[in-house]
Structures are given as C-alpha cells and as structure tokens.
Amino acid sequence: MMAINGKIQREGGVVHLVAQRMFDLSGERDTFRVPTGRGDEFAHGSPGSPDSRERPPMGVKAREIYIPDLHIDTLKVKSRNFQ
C-alpha cells in the first residue's frame, strides 16, 4: 500500500498524477480495514442473478471470425505524446 503527495494534471481524457513524495505503508495494511457495502458483489454475491461463470457462450467466438483483409501491418494506432 502506498501514499502519494503530489498534484493531478488533466488534459482532455488523460489524467496524470505527478508524485512529489511517496510513502510505503505496507506495514500498516492490517490496520486499514475497508468495510464491505451492499454493492460489493465479491463478498456478498449478486442478489437475484445466477453466477456469471455458468452462462452458456452466445454467438460466434473471437477465434472463429476470419477477416482476410485484416492484417497486423494494416492496423493504424493513434499515437499519443505525453509532454
């Protein structure tokens, strides 16, 4: 667990945390209890719905889709400059 002092910079949809000081709080993990709430589905499960791992697969699997014109060399990735 870490604590950070610093500032937050936002530009468009990008958020940067500029850390000025960092603290290692790993030794204090046991004293930090997070209470579980009604929305904590990991601890309480989802009320009224079956386990999502038991749902049957629907539609075509990704590996069964073949597009002959789609090749790794033709993909264009938008570059980002974080300055």
Protein backbone atom coordinates (compact mmCIF):
# COMPACT_ATOMS: atom_id res chain seq x y z
CA MET A 1 0.00 0.00 0.00
CA MET A 2 1.33 3.42 -0.90
CA ALA A 3 0.52 7.02 -0.07
CA ILE A 4 1.41 9.76 -2.53
CA ASN A 5 1.65 13.53 -2.15
CA GLY A 6 1.63 15.43 -5.40
CA LYS A 7 -0.61 17.04 -7.94
CA ILE A 8 -3.04 15.88 -10.59
CA GLN A 9 -2.80 17.13 -14.17
CA ARG A 10 -5.70 16.72 -16.59
CA GLU A 11 -5.72 17.34 -20.32
CA GLY A 12 -8.62 16.04 -22.32
CA GLY A 13 -9.33 12.47 -21.26
CA VAL A 14 -5.83 11.90 -19.85
CA VAL A 15 -5.09 12.21 -16.13
CA HIS A 16 -1.53 12.27 -14.76
CA LEU A 17 -0.53 12.00 -11.11
CA VAL A 18 2.77 13.83 -10.57
CA ALA A 19 4.20 12.40 -7.34
CA GLN A 20 6.33 14.68 -5.19
CA ARG A 21 6.61 12.33 -2.17
CA MET A 22 5.83 8.63 -1.88
CA PHE A 23 5.33 6.67 1.33
CA ASP A 24 5.44 2.88 1.78
CA LEU A 25 2.54 1.89 4.03
CA SER A 26 2.80 -1.88 3.51
CA GLY A 27 3.38 -2.46 7.22
CA GLU A 28 0.06 -0.79 8.08
CA ARG A 29 -2.15 -2.88 5.77
CA ASP A 30 -3.62 -4.93 8.62
CA THR A 31 -4.82 -1.82 10.47
CA PHE A 32 -6.62 -0.47 7.39
CA ARG A 33 -9.98 -2.21 7.14
CA VAL A 34 -12.30 -1.46 4.25
CA PRO A 35 -15.91 -2.22 5.14
CA THR A 36 -17.87 -4.10 2.52
CA GLY A 37 -21.04 -2.47 1.31
CA ARG A 38 -24.17 -3.61 -0.43
CA GLY A 39 -22.51 -3.13 -3.81
CA ASP A 40 -19.59 -5.42 -3.00
CA GLU A 41 -20.51 -8.39 -5.19
CA PHE A 42 -17.24 -10.16 -4.48
CA ALA A 43 -18.05 -10.52 -0.78
CA HIS A 44 -21.84 -10.86 -0.99
CA GLY A 45 -22.57 -12.13 -4.48
CA SER A 46 -25.01 -10.61 -6.91
CA PRO A 47 -28.54 -10.78 -5.49
CA GLY A 48 -31.13 -12.46 -7.67
CA SER A 49 -28.85 -13.41 -10.56
CA PRO A 50 -27.04 -16.67 -11.30
CA ASP A 51 -23.27 -17.00 -11.33
CA SER A 52 -21.94 -15.30 -14.47
CA ARG A 53 -19.37 -18.08 -14.98
CA GLU A 54 -22.17 -20.57 -15.63
CA ARG A 55 -23.77 -18.70 -18.54
CA PRO A 56 -23.63 -20.54 -21.86
CA PRO A 57 -21.49 -18.87 -24.55
CA MET A 58 -23.50 -16.82 -27.01
CA GLY A 59 -22.73 -16.08 -30.65
CA VAL A 60 -19.51 -16.64 -32.52
CA LYS A 61 -16.25 -16.96 -30.63
CA ALA A 62 -13.49 -14.50 -31.49
CA ARG A 63 -11.18 -17.15 -32.90
CA GLU A 64 -13.89 -18.30 -35.32
CA ILE A 65 -14.03 -14.89 -37.01
CA TYR A 66 -11.73 -14.54 -40.02
CA ILE A 67 -11.34 -11.30 -41.96
CA PRO A 68 -8.84 -11.85 -44.81
CA ASP A 69 -8.06 -8.12 -45.29
CA LEU A 70 -7.28 -7.54 -41.60
CA HIS A 71 -3.55 -7.94 -41.06
CA ILE A 72 -1.34 -6.61 -38.28
CA ASP A 73 0.55 -4.40 -40.75
CA THR A 74 -2.67 -2.63 -41.83
CA LEU A 75 -3.76 -1.61 -38.33
CA LYS A 76 -3.28 2.07 -37.51
CA VAL A 77 -2.81 3.01 -33.87
CA LYS A 78 -3.33 6.62 -32.84
CA SER A 79 -0.13 7.85 -31.20
CA ARG A 80 -0.11 9.99 -28.06
CA ASN A 81 2.51 12.48 -26.94
CA PHE A 82 2.62 12.86 -23.13
CA GLN A 83 4.70 16.01 -22.74
